[in-house]
PDB file of N, CA and C in Angstrom:
ATOM      1  N   UNK A   1     -51.231 -38.727 -31.615  1.00  0.00           N
ATOM      2  CA  UNK A   1     -51.814 -40.275 -32.263  1.00  0.00           C
ATOM      3  C   UNK A   1     -53.000 -40.581 -31.219  1.00  0.00           C
ATOM      4  N   UNK A   2     -53.739 -40.623 -31.973  1.00  0.00           N
ATOM      5  CA  UNK A   2     -55.199 -41.607 -31.734  1.00  0.00           C
ATOM      6  C   UNK A   2     -55.267 -42.303 -31.230  1.00  0.00           C
ATOM      7  N   UNK A   3     -56.071 -42.718 -30.120  1.00  0.00           N
ATOM      8  CA  UNK A   3     -56.394 -44.449 -29.571  1.00  0.00           C
ATOM      9  C   UNK A   3     -57.676 -44.651 -29.549  1.00  0.00           C
ATOM     10  N   UNK A   4     -57.835 -45.597 -30.348  1.00  0.00           N
ATOM     11  CA  UNK A   4     -59.129 -46.291 -30.692  1.00  0.00           C
ATOM     12  C   UNK A   4     -59.452 -47.136 -29.521  1.00  0.00           C
ATOM     13  N   UNK A   5     -60.193 -47.494 -28.736  1.00  0.00           N
ATOM     14  CA  UNK A   5     -60.400 -48.961 -27.843  1.00  0.00           C
ATOM     15  C   UNK A   5     -61.949 -49.192 -27.603  1.00  0.00           C
ATOM     16  N   UNK A   6     -62.230 -50.438 -27.851  1.00  0.00           N
ATOM     17  CA  UNK A   6     -63.354 -50.990 -27.069  1.00  0.00           C
ATOM     18  C   UNK A   6     -63.299 -52.186 -25.977  1.00  0.00           C
ATOM     19  N   UNK A   7     -64.014 -52.131 -25.233  1.00  0.00           N
ATOM     20  CA  UNK A   7     -63.883 -52.561 -24.049  1.00  0.00           C
ATOM     21  C   UNK A   7     -64.139 -54.052 -24.368  1.00  0.00           C
ATOM     22  N   UNK A   8     -63.249 -54.681 -23.687  1.00  0.00           N
ATOM     23  CA  UNK A   8     -63.604 -56.340 -23.522  1.00  0.00           C
ATOM     24  C   UNK A   8     -64.622 -56.687 -23.007  1.00  0.00           C
ATOM     25  N   UNK A   9     -65.039 -57.981 -23.740  1.00  0.00           N
ATOM     26  CA  UNK A   9     -66.850 -58.314 -22.891  1.00  0.00           C
ATOM     27  C   UNK A   9     -66.318 -59.224 -21.675  1.00  0.00           C
ATOM     28  N   UNK A  10     -67.641 -59.359 -20.969  1.00  0.00           N
ATOM     29  CA  UNK A  10     -67.033 -60.359 -19.820  1.00  0.00           C
ATOM     30  C   UNK A  10     -66.335 -61.795 -19.907  1.00  0.00           C
ATOM     31  N   UNK A  11     -66.848 -62.158 -20.757  1.00  0.00           N
ATOM     32  CA  UNK A  11     -65.998 -63.593 -20.810  1.00  0.00           C
ATOM     33  C   UNK A  11     -64.832 -63.656 -21.789  1.00  0.00           C
ATOM     34  N   UNK A  12     -63.436 -63.059 -20.800  1.00  0.00           N
ATOM     35  CA  UNK A  12     -62.276 -63.074 -21.690  1.00  0.00           C
ATOM     36  C   UNK A  12     -61.791 -63.906 -22.859  1.00  0.00           C
ATOM     37  N   UNK A  13     -62.179 -65.021 -22.655  1.00  0.00           N
ATOM     38  CA  UNK A  13     -62.285 -66.320 -24.228  1.00  0.00           C
ATOM     39  C   UNK A  13     -63.304 -65.761 -25.245  1.00  0.00           C
ATOM     40  N   UNK A  14     -64.406 -64.882 -25.322  1.00  0.00           N
ATOM     41  CA  UNK A  14     -65.617 -64.866 -26.257  1.00  0.00           C
ATOM     42  C   UNK A  14     -64.924 -65.133 -27.439  1.00  0.00           C
ATOM     43  N   UNK A  15     -63.565 -64.326 -27.353  1.00  0.00           N
ATOM     44  CA  UNK A  15     -62.532 -64.512 -29.167  1.00  0.00           C
ATOM     45  C   UNK A  15     -61.302 -64.892 -28.298  1.00  0.00           C
ATOM     46  N   UNK A  16     -60.835 -65.987 -29.005  1.00  0.00           N
ATOM     47  CA  UNK A  16     -60.129 -67.043 -29.003  1.00  0.00           C
ATOM     48  C   UNK A  16     -58.740 -66.192 -29.142  1.00  0.00           C
ATOM     49  N   UNK A  17     -58.589 -65.234 -30.332  1.00  0.00           N
ATOM     50  CA  UNK A  17     -56.799 -64.763 -30.684  1.00  0.00           C
ATOM     51  C   UNK A  17     -56.462 -63.594 -30.561  1.00  0.00           C
ATOM     52  N   UNK A  18     -55.659 -63.431 -30.164  1.00  0.00           N
ATOM     53  CA  UNK A  18     -54.985 -61.975 -29.995  1.00  0.00           C
ATOM     54  C   UNK A  18     -54.199 -61.934 -30.896  1.00  0.00           C
ATOM     55  N   UNK A  19     -54.954 -60.882 -32.167  1.00  0.00           N
ATOM     56  CA  UNK A  19     -54.074 -60.342 -33.905  1.00  0.00           C
ATOM     57  C   UNK A  19     -53.524 -59.257 -33.680  1.00  0.00           C
ATOM     58  N   UNK A  20     -52.535 -59.056 -33.740  1.00  0.00           N
ATOM     59  CA  UNK A  20     -51.867 -57.758 -33.769  1.00  0.00           C
ATOM     60  C   UNK A  20     -50.623 -57.561 -35.053  1.00  0.00           C
ATOM     61  N   UNK A  21     -50.548 -56.772 -35.413  1.00  0.00           N
ATOM     62  CA  UNK A  21     -50.137 -56.212 -36.553  1.00  0.00           C
ATOM     63  C   UNK A  21     -49.728 -54.869 -37.042  1.00  0.00           C
ATOM     64  N   UNK A  22     -49.033 -54.701 -37.734  1.00  0.00           N
ATOM     65  CA  UNK A  22     -48.716 -52.987 -38.359  1.00  0.00           C
ATOM     66  C   UNK A  22     -48.855 -53.154 -39.572  1.00  0.00           C
ATOM     67  N   UNK A  23     -49.534 -51.451 -40.117  1.00  0.00           N
ATOM     68  CA  UNK A  23     -49.669 -51.562 -41.249  1.00  0.00           C
ATOM     69  C   UNK A  23     -48.888 -50.141 -41.828  1.00  0.00           C
ATOM     70  N   UNK A  24     -48.379 -50.480 -42.816  1.00  0.00           N
ATOM     71  CA  UNK A  24     -47.048 -49.266 -43.495  1.00  0.00           C
ATOM     72  C   UNK A  24     -48.200 -48.835 -44.562  1.00  0.00           C
ATOM     73  N   UNK A  25     -47.987 -47.645 -45.020  1.00  0.00           N
ATOM     74  CA  UNK A  25     -49.160 -47.286 -45.829  1.00  0.00           C
ATOM     75  C   UNK A  25     -47.943 -47.542 -47.228  1.00  0.00           C
ATOM     76  N   UNK A  26     -49.315 -47.613 -48.024  1.00  0.00           N
ATOM     77  CA  UNK A  26     -48.710 -48.307 -49.306  1.00  0.00           C
ATOM     78  C   UNK A  26     -49.091 -47.309 -50.250  1.00  0.00           C
ATOM     79  N   UNK A  27     -50.060 -46.603 -51.135  1.00  0.00           N
ATOM     80  CA  UNK A  27     -49.983 -45.857 -51.957  1.00  0.00           C
ATOM     81  C   UNK A  27     -50.912 -44.485 -51.280  1.00  0.00           C
ATOM     82  N   UNK A  28     -51.989 -44.564 -50.450  1.00  0.00           N
ATOM     83  CA  UNK A  28     -52.923 -43.496 -49.632  1.00  0.00           C
ATOM     84  C   UNK A  28     -52.913 -43.155 -48.221  1.00  0.00           C
ATOM     85  N   UNK A  29     -52.705 -42.636 -48.029  1.00  0.00           N
ATOM     86  CA  UNK A  29     -52.225 -42.280 -46.408  1.00  0.00           C
ATOM     87  C   UNK A  29     -53.609 -43.050 -45.699  1.00  0.00           C
ATOM     88  N   UNK A  30     -53.189 -43.948 -44.574  1.00  0.00           N
ATOM     89  CA  UNK A  30     -53.910 -44.678 -43.737  1.00  0.00           C
ATOM     90  C   UNK A  30     -54.678 -43.444 -42.526  1.00  0.00           C
ATOM     91  N   UNK A  31     -55.811 -44.202 -42.374  1.00  0.00           N
ATOM     92  CA  UNK A  31     -57.070 -43.838 -41.563  1.00  0.00           C
ATOM     93  C   UNK A  31     -57.350 -44.229 -40.303  1.00  0.00           C
ATOM     94  N   UNK A  32     -56.847 -43.922 -39.149  1.00  0.00           N
ATOM     95  CA  UNK A  32     -57.022 -45.192 -38.224  1.00  0.00           C
ATOM     96  C   UNK A  32     -58.586 -44.977 -37.819  1.00  0.00           C
ATOM     97  N   UNK A  33     -59.749 -43.833 -37.881  1.00  0.00           N
ATOM     98  CA  UNK A  33     -60.977 -43.741 -37.615  1.00  0.00           C
ATOM     99  C   UNK A  33     -61.270 -44.670 -39.209  1.00  0.00           C
ATOM    100  N   UNK A  34     -61.140 -45.011 -40.311  1.00  0.00           N
ATOM    101  CA  UNK A  34     -61.869 -45.848 -41.159  1.00  0.00           C
ATOM    102  C   UNK A  34     -61.679 -47.161 -40.498  1.00  0.00           C
ATOM    103  N   UNK A  35     -60.148 -47.583 -40.542  1.00  0.00           N
ATOM    104  CA  UNK A  35     -59.622 -48.751 -39.861  1.00  0.00           C
ATOM    105  C   UNK A  35     -60.540 -49.741 -38.981  1.00  0.00           C
ATOM    106  N   UNK A  36     -61.059 -48.698 -37.987  1.00  0.00           N
ATOM    107  CA  UNK A  36     -61.431 -49.102 -36.991  1.00  0.00           C
ATOM    108  C   UNK A  36     -63.128 -49.356 -37.368  1.00  0.00           C
ATOM    109  N   UNK A  37     -63.722 -48.388 -38.291  1.00  0.00           N
ATOM    110  CA  UNK A  37     -64.493 -48.356 -38.474  1.00  0.00           C
ATOM    111  C   UNK A  37     -65.368 -49.600 -39.027  1.00  0.00           C
ATOM    112  N   UNK A  38     -63.982 -49.601 -40.274  1.00  0.00           N
ATOM    113  CA  UNK A  38     -64.438 -51.362 -40.604  1.00  0.00           C
ATOM    114  C   UNK A  38     -64.038 -52.877 -40.002  1.00  0.00           C
ATOM    115  N   UNK A  39     -63.426 -52.671 -39.193  1.00  0.00           N
ATOM    116  CA  UNK A  39     -63.190 -53.787 -38.912  1.00  0.00           C
ATOM    117  C   UNK A  39     -64.363 -53.799 -37.726  1.00  0.00           C
ATOM    118  N   UNK A  40     -65.137 -52.907 -36.662  1.00  0.00           N
ATOM    119  CA  UNK A  40     -65.931 -53.116 -35.744  1.00  0.00           C
ATOM    120  C   UNK A  40     -67.132 -53.471 -36.867  1.00  0.00           C
ATOM    121  N   UNK A  41     -67.285 -53.265 -38.079  1.00  0.00           N
ATOM    122  CA  UNK A  41     -68.531 -53.211 -38.535  1.00  0.00           C
ATOM    123  C   UNK A  41     -68.781 -54.729 -39.438  1.00  0.00           C
ATOM    124  N   UNK A  42     -67.226 -55.256 -39.649  1.00  0.00           N
ATOM    125  CA  UNK A  42     -67.465 -56.306 -40.550  1.00  0.00           C
ATOM    126  C   UNK A  42     -66.390 -57.527 -39.676  1.00  0.00           C
ATOM    127  N   UNK A  43     -65.790 -56.990 -38.610  1.00  0.00           N
ATOM    128  CA  UNK A  43     -65.292 -58.768 -38.042  1.00  0.00           C
ATOM    129  C   UNK A  43     -65.670 -58.477 -37.147  1.00  0.00           C
ATOM    130  N   UNK A  44     -65.842 -59.920 -36.529  1.00  0.00           N
ATOM    131  CA  UNK A  44     -66.821 -60.219 -34.418  1.00  0.00           C
ATOM    132  C   UNK A  44     -65.429 -59.820 -33.639  1.00  0.00           C
ATOM    133  N   UNK A  45     -65.376 -59.604 -32.904  1.00  0.00           N
ATOM    134  CA  UNK A  45     -64.292 -59.484 -32.139  1.00  0.00           C
ATOM    135  C   UNK A  45     -64.390 -58.693 -30.571  1.00  0.00           C
ATOM    136  N   UNK A  46     -63.151 -57.812 -30.031  1.00  0.00           N
ATOM    137  CA  UNK A  46     -63.122 -57.079 -28.952  1.00  0.00           C
ATOM    138  C   UNK A  46     -61.972 -56.671 -28.824  1.00  0.00           C
ATOM    139  N   UNK A  47     -62.028 -55.625 -27.971  1.00  0.00           N
ATOM    140  CA  UNK A  47     -60.356 -54.740 -27.473  1.00  0.00           C
ATOM    141  C   UNK A  47     -59.999 -54.171 -28.832  1.00  0.00           C
ATOM    142  N   UNK A  48     -60.651 -53.265 -29.384  1.00  0.00           N
ATOM    143  CA  UNK A  48     -60.178 -53.539 -30.771  1.00  0.00           C
ATOM    144  C   UNK A  48     -59.033 -51.916 -30.084  1.00  0.00           C
ATOM    145  N   UNK A  49     -57.966 -51.836 -30.602  1.00  0.00           N
ATOM    146  CA  UNK A  49     -57.046 -50.652 -30.657  1.00  0.00           C
ATOM    147  C   UNK A  49     -56.246 -50.429 -31.894  1.00  0.00           C
ATOM    148  N   UNK A  50     -56.600 -49.411 -32.541  1.00  0.00           N
ATOM    149  CA  UNK A  50     -55.781 -48.984 -33.851  1.00  0.00           C
ATOM    150  C   UNK A  50     -55.573 -47.405 -33.570  1.00  0.00           C
ATOM    151  N   UNK A  51     -54.212 -47.435 -33.305  1.00  0.00           N
ATOM    152  CA  UNK A  51     -53.547 -46.115 -32.871  1.00  0.00           C
ATOM    153  C   UNK A  51     -51.633 -46.616 -34.354  1.00  0.00           C
ATOM    154  N   UNK A  52     -52.048 -45.199 -34.613  1.00  0.00           N
ATOM    155  CA  UNK A  52     -51.024 -44.594 -35.388  1.00  0.00           C
ATOM    156  C   UNK A  52     -51.237 -42.991 -36.129  1.00  0.00           C
ATOM    157  N   UNK A  53     -50.544 -43.054 -37.181  1.00  0.00           N
ATOM    158  CA  UNK A  53     -50.891 -42.033 -37.998  1.00  0.00           C
ATOM    159  C   UNK A  53     -51.059 -42.215 -39.559  1.00  0.00           C
ATOM    160  N   UNK A  54     -50.895 -41.269 -40.142  1.00  0.00           N
ATOM    161  CA  UNK A  54     -51.335 -41.657 -42.408  1.00  0.00           C
ATOM    162  C   UNK A  54     -50.568 -42.462 -42.497  1.00  0.00           C
ATOM    163  N   UNK A  55     -49.057 -43.041 -41.570  1.00  0.00           N
ATOM    164  CA  UNK A  55     -48.116 -43.426 -41.922  1.00  0.00           C
ATOM    165  C   UNK A  55     -47.807 -44.862 -41.802  1.00  0.00           C
ATOM    166  N   UNK A  56     -48.446 -45.373 -40.483  1.00  0.00           N
ATOM    167  CA  UNK A  56     -48.241 -46.509 -39.636  1.00  0.00           C
ATOM    168  C   UNK A  56     -49.185 -46.621 -38.885  1.00  0.00           C
ATOM    169  N   UNK A  57     -49.953 -48.039 -39.006  1.00  0.00           N
ATOM    170  CA  UNK A  57     -50.959 -48.047 -38.041  1.00  0.00           C
ATOM    171  C   UNK A  57     -50.603 -49.161 -37.192  1.00  0.00           C
ATOM    172  N   UNK A  58     -50.780 -49.328 -35.804  1.00  0.00           N
ATOM    173  CA  UNK A  58     -50.757 -50.817 -35.296  1.00  0.00           C
ATOM    174  C   UNK A  58     -52.108 -51.119 -34.873  1.00  0.00           C
ATOM    175  N   UNK A  59     -52.752 -52.602 -35.275  1.00  0.00           N
ATOM    176  CA  UNK A  59     -53.496 -52.894 -34.779  1.00  0.00           C
ATOM    177  C   UNK A  59     -53.782 -53.860 -33.703  1.00  0.00           C
ATOM    178  N   UNK A  60     -54.342 -54.062 -32.716  1.00  0.00           N
ATOM    179  CA  UNK A  60     -54.274 -55.224 -31.743  1.00  0.00           C
ATOM    180  C   UNK A  60     -56.057 -55.553 -31.881  1.00  0.00           C
ATOM    181  N   UNK A  61     -56.401 -56.843 -31.763  1.00  0.00           N
ATOM    182  CA  UNK A  61     -57.583 -57.395 -31.999  1.00  0.00           C
ATOM    183  C   UNK A  61     -58.524 -58.830 -31.280  1.00  0.00           C
ATOM    184  N   UNK A  62     -58.956 -58.929 -30.934  1.00  0.00           N
ATOM    185  CA  UNK A  62     -59.622 -60.299 -30.052  1.00  0.00           C
ATOM    186  C   UNK A  62     -60.589 -60.418 -31.101  1.00  0.00           C
ATOM    187  N   UNK A  63     -60.346 -61.831 -31.692  1.00  0.00           N
ATOM    188  CA  UNK A  63     -61.204 -62.483 -32.830  1.00  0.00           C
ATOM    189  C   UNK A  63     -60.949 -63.785 -32.815  1.00  0.00           C
ATOM    190  N   UNK A  64     -62.323 -64.507 -33.474  1.00  0.00           N
ATOM    191  CA  UNK A  64     -62.040 -65.923 -33.877  1.00  0.00           C
ATOM    192  C   UNK A  64     -61.584 -65.697 -35.249  1.00  0.00           C
ATOM    193  N   UNK A  65     -61.600 -64.833 -36.159  1.00  0.00           N
ATOM    194  CA  UNK A  65     -61.285 -65.202 -37.282  1.00  0.00           C
ATOM    195  C   UNK A  65     -60.390 -64.009 -37.764  1.00  0.00           C
ATOM    196  N   UNK A  66     -59.045 -64.073 -37.107  1.00  0.00           N
ATOM    197  CA  UNK A  66     -57.871 -63.649 -36.941  1.00  0.00           C
ATOM    198  C   UNK A  66     -57.035 -63.146 -39.282  1.00  0.00           C
ATOM    199  N   UNK A  67     -57.533 -64.414 -39.603  1.00  0.00           N
ATOM    200  CA  UNK A  67     -57.481 -64.301 -41.561  1.00  0.00           C
ATOM    201  C   UNK A  67     -58.485 -63.025 -41.644  1.00  0.00           C
ATOM    202  N   UNK A  68     -59.290 -63.252 -41.202  1.00  0.00           N
ATOM    203  CA  UNK A  68     -60.425 -61.725 -41.874  1.00  0.00           C
ATOM    204  C   UNK A  68     -59.554 -60.186 -41.559  1.00  0.00           C
ATOM    205  N   UNK A  69     -58.970 -60.091 -40.116  1.00  0.00           N
ATOM    206  CA  UNK A  69     -58.297 -58.405 -40.150  1.00  0.00           C
ATOM    207  C   UNK A  69     -57.033 -58.730 -40.926  1.00  0.00           C
ATOM    208  N   UNK A  70     -56.390 -59.969 -41.240  1.00  0.00           N
ATOM    209  CA  UNK A  70     -54.977 -59.692 -41.977  1.00  0.00           C
ATOM    210  C   UNK A  70     -55.248 -59.478 -43.668  1.00  0.00           C
ATOM    211  N   UNK A  71     -56.714 -60.100 -44.071  1.00  0.00           N
ATOM    212  CA  UNK A  71     -56.754 -59.782 -45.412  1.00  0.00           C
ATOM    213  C   UNK A  71     -57.351 -58.251 -45.558  1.00  0.00           C
ATOM    214  N   UNK A  72     -57.907 -57.928 -44.683  1.00  0.00           N
ATOM    215  CA  UNK A  72     -58.807 -56.429 -44.634  1.00  0.00           C
ATOM    216  C   UNK A  72     -57.091 -55.603 -44.557  1.00  0.00           C
ATOM    217  N   UNK A  73     -56.698 -55.867 -43.819  1.00  0.00           N
ATOM    218  CA  UNK A  73     -55.368 -54.569 -43.555  1.00  0.00           C
ATOM    219  C   UNK A  73     -54.360 -54.891 -45.025  1.00  0.00           C
ATOM    220  N   UNK A  74     -53.865 -55.812 -45.647  1.00  0.00           N
ATOM    221  CA  UNK A  74     -53.230 -56.044 -46.228  1.00  0.00           C
ATOM    222  C   UNK A  74     -53.893 -55.310 -47.846  1.00  0.00           C
ATOM    223  N   UNK A  75     -55.348 -55.190 -47.794  1.00  0.00           N
ATOM    224  CA  UNK A  75     -56.241 -54.590 -48.491  1.00  0.00           C
ATOM    225  C   UNK A  75     -55.481 -52.930 -48.705  1.00  0.00           C
ATOM    226  N   UNK A  76     -55.256 -52.184 -47.510  1.00  0.00           N
ATOM    227  CA  UNK A  76     -55.395 -50.726 -47.295  1.00  0.00           C
ATOM    228  C   UNK A  76     -53.527 -50.364 -47.674  1.00  0.00           C
ATOM    229  N   UNK A  77     -52.581 -51.462 -46.873  1.00  0.00           N
ATOM    230  CA  UNK A  77     -50.871 -50.820 -46.925  1.00  0.00           C
ATOM    231  C   UNK A  77     -50.509 -52.655 -46.680  1.00  0.00           C
ATOM    232  N   UNK A  78     -48.899 -52.333 -46.169  1.00  0.00           N
ATOM    233  CA  UNK A  78     -48.316 -53.239 -46.062  1.00  0.00           C
ATOM    234  C   UNK A  78     -48.363 -53.574 -44.692  1.00  0.00           C
ATOM    235  N   UNK A  79     -48.552 -55.156 -44.816  1.00  0.00           N
ATOM    236  CA  UNK A  79     -48.371 -55.763 -43.163  1.00  0.00           C
ATOM    237  C   UNK A  79     -47.174 -56.211 -42.475  1.00  0.00           C
ATOM    238  N   UNK A  80     -46.844 -56.152 -41.169  1.00  0.00           N
ATOM    239  CA  UNK A  80     -45.986 -56.976 -41.224  1.00  0.00           C
ATOM    240  C   UNK A  80     -46.328 -57.036 -39.621  1.00  0.00           C
ATOM    241  N   UNK A  81     -44.552 -57.459 -38.865  1.00  0.00           N
ATOM    242  CA  UNK A  81     -44.833 -57.680 -37.289  1.00  0.00           C
ATOM    243  C   UNK A  81     -46.184 -58.376 -36.957  1.00  0.00           C
ATOM    244  N   UNK A  82     -46.349 -59.543 -38.047  1.00  0.00           N
ATOM    245  CA  UNK A  82     -47.788 -59.733 -37.643  1.00  0.00           C
ATOM    246  C   UNK A  82     -47.526 -61.625 -36.620  1.00  0.00           C
ATOM    247  N   UNK A  83     -48.303 -60.821 -35.516  1.00  0.00           N
ATOM    248  CA  UNK A  83     -48.802 -61.862 -33.744  1.00  0.00           C
ATOM    249  C   UNK A  83     -50.174 -61.852 -34.124  1.00  0.00           C
ATOM    250  N   UNK A  84     -50.469 -63.953 -33.820  1.00  0.00           N
ATOM    251  CA  UNK A  84     -51.382 -64.220 -34.034  1.00  0.00           C
ATOM    252  C   UNK A  84     -51.354 -65.542 -32.841  1.00  0.00           C
ATOM    253  N   UNK A  85     -51.637 -65.063 -31.249  1.00  0.00           N
ATOM    254  CA  UNK A  85     -51.845 -66.008 -29.865  1.00  0.00           C
ATOM    255  C   UNK A  85     -53.006 -66.034 -29.659  1.00  0.00           C
ATOM    256  N   UNK A  86     -53.391 -67.539 -29.331  1.00  0.00           N
ATOM    257  CA  UNK A  86     -54.135 -68.392 -29.234  1.00  0.00           C
ATOM    258  C   UNK A  86     -54.157 -68.022 -27.155  1.00  0.00           C
ATOM    259  N   UNK A  87     -55.081 -67.003 -27.377  1.00  0.00           N
ATOM    260  CA  UNK A  87     -55.564 -67.043 -25.130  1.00  0.00           C
ATOM    261  C   UNK A  87     -56.050 -68.175 -24.647  1.00  0.00           C
ATOM    262  N   UNK A  88     -56.372 -69.106 -25.546  1.00  0.00           N
ATOM    263  CA  UNK A  88     -56.964 -70.135 -24.505  1.00  0.00           C
ATOM    264  C   UNK A  88     -56.040 -71.221 -24.232  1.00  0.00           C
ATOM    265  N   UNK A  89     -54.881 -71.077 -25.276  1.00  0.00           N
ATOM    266  CA  UNK A  89     -53.791 -72.465 -25.141  1.00  0.00           C
ATOM    267  C   UNK A  89     -52.810 -71.429 -23.989  1.00  0.00           C
ATOM    268  N   UNK A  90     -52.044 -69.789 -24.225  1.00  0.00           N
ATOM    269  CA  UNK A  90     -51.847 -69.427 -23.214  1.00  0.00           C
ATOM    270  C   UNK A  90     -52.171 -69.546 -21.286  1.00  0.00           C
ATOM    271  N   UNK A  91     -53.777 -69.138 -21.397  1.00  0.00           N
ATOM    272  CA  UNK A  91     -54.139 -69.309 -20.238  1.00  0.00           C
ATOM    273  C   UNK A  91     -54.262 -71.209 -19.422  1.00  0.00           C
ATOM    274  N   UNK A  92     -54.034 -71.968 -20.584  1.00  0.00           N
ATOM    275  CA  UNK A  92     -53.548 -73.039 -19.850  1.00  0.00           C
ATOM    276  C   UNK A  92     -51.976 -73.608 -19.391  1.00  0.00           C
ATOM    277  N   UNK A  93     -51.488 -72.494 -19.833  1.00  0.00           N
ATOM    278  CA  UNK A  93     -50.001 -72.914 -19.653  1.00  0.00           C
ATOM    279  C   UNK A  93     -48.700 -72.852 -20.745  1.00  0.00           C
ATOM    280  N   UNK A  94     -49.394 -73.085 -22.223  1.00  0.00           N
ATOM    281  CA  UNK A  94     -48.753 -73.523 -23.034  1.00  0.00           C
ATOM    282  C   UNK A  94     -48.703 -71.918 -24.422  1.00  0.00           C
ATOM    283  N   UNK A  95     -47.953 -72.679 -24.955  1.00  0.00           N
ATOM    284  CA  UNK A  95     -46.938 -71.927 -25.984  1.00  0.00           C
ATOM    285  C   UNK A  95     -48.674 -71.355 -26.283  1.00  0.00           C
ATOM    286  N   UNK A  96     -48.361 -69.723 -26.861  1.00  0.00           N
ATOM    287  CA  UNK A  96     -49.857 -69.468 -27.589  1.00  0.00           C
ATOM    288  C   UNK A  96     -49.602 -69.126 -29.002  1.00  0.00           C
TER     289      UNK A  96
END
């Protein structure tokens, strides 16, 4: 299982939403390299992890546009276990 990661920027809250989800294979095998390339080239954010295999990929990404991650991932497979947490709220001791 390969893991792709991009280091976080110095400003830990440059991207507010910690976006996590699982993608299940729908019709076509999943390719974590293609998923990584698409997200990095089309959605602004940092701290990307795309790990898995051709049947299941876990995504973790910090962005200000979590809906774009969900929209894209839904085009390549079935998405579930979706969590979007507001890291600024969490840092202030509030529910994320």
